[in-house]
Amino acid sequence: MSARIYDLSIMEGATAPGNVKITLSFGNQGMLVTGTQKASQFFTLAFLTERGTVLGDASFGTDFVTQARAGVIRSDPDVPLYFNLAARDILDYQAGNISLDTPDDEIIESLILMSYILRVQQLQIQVRLTTIAGDAREVILPIDAVPTG
């Protein structure tokens, strides 16, 4: 038996079908998320949060945004390398912070970098997230202030 726990949705616009722009916002009314959408929201938050910035949980987040802003991610070969390191950090964090009764559609099994665009001052990544239940979603994340050289 699984004990489904709801999260507050911070992805405004996530209820529309198809390809839609989603903003990180609570919006005008509170909405709850579960399942693959909850897993996608966890990935987005963990990936974009700079490790060490969450009070009381210094291990949450990744170094990806920090490295991008510091100019470490400069060329095409850098993007998959640093993405894979961040993905491993997210999966390790998840493994240490889920309960035995977490539903399979809320547990990320894999994170695959599908594509990316590296431009001056911006990086855009497209990630396929697959849960243990076999549900898959693709998330596109823009990351500003990426020095290139």
Foldseek 3Di string as FASTA:
>chain_A
DADWDKDWDQWPPVVDDDDDDTDRHCPDDIDIDTFLVLLVVQCVVQAPDDQCPDPPHNLGHFCLLVCQLVQVQADDVSVVVRVVVRQVSSLVVQVVPDDPRRDQRNHWDDKDFPDWDDDAFKIKTWIWTATSVGDIDIDIDMRGNGHYD
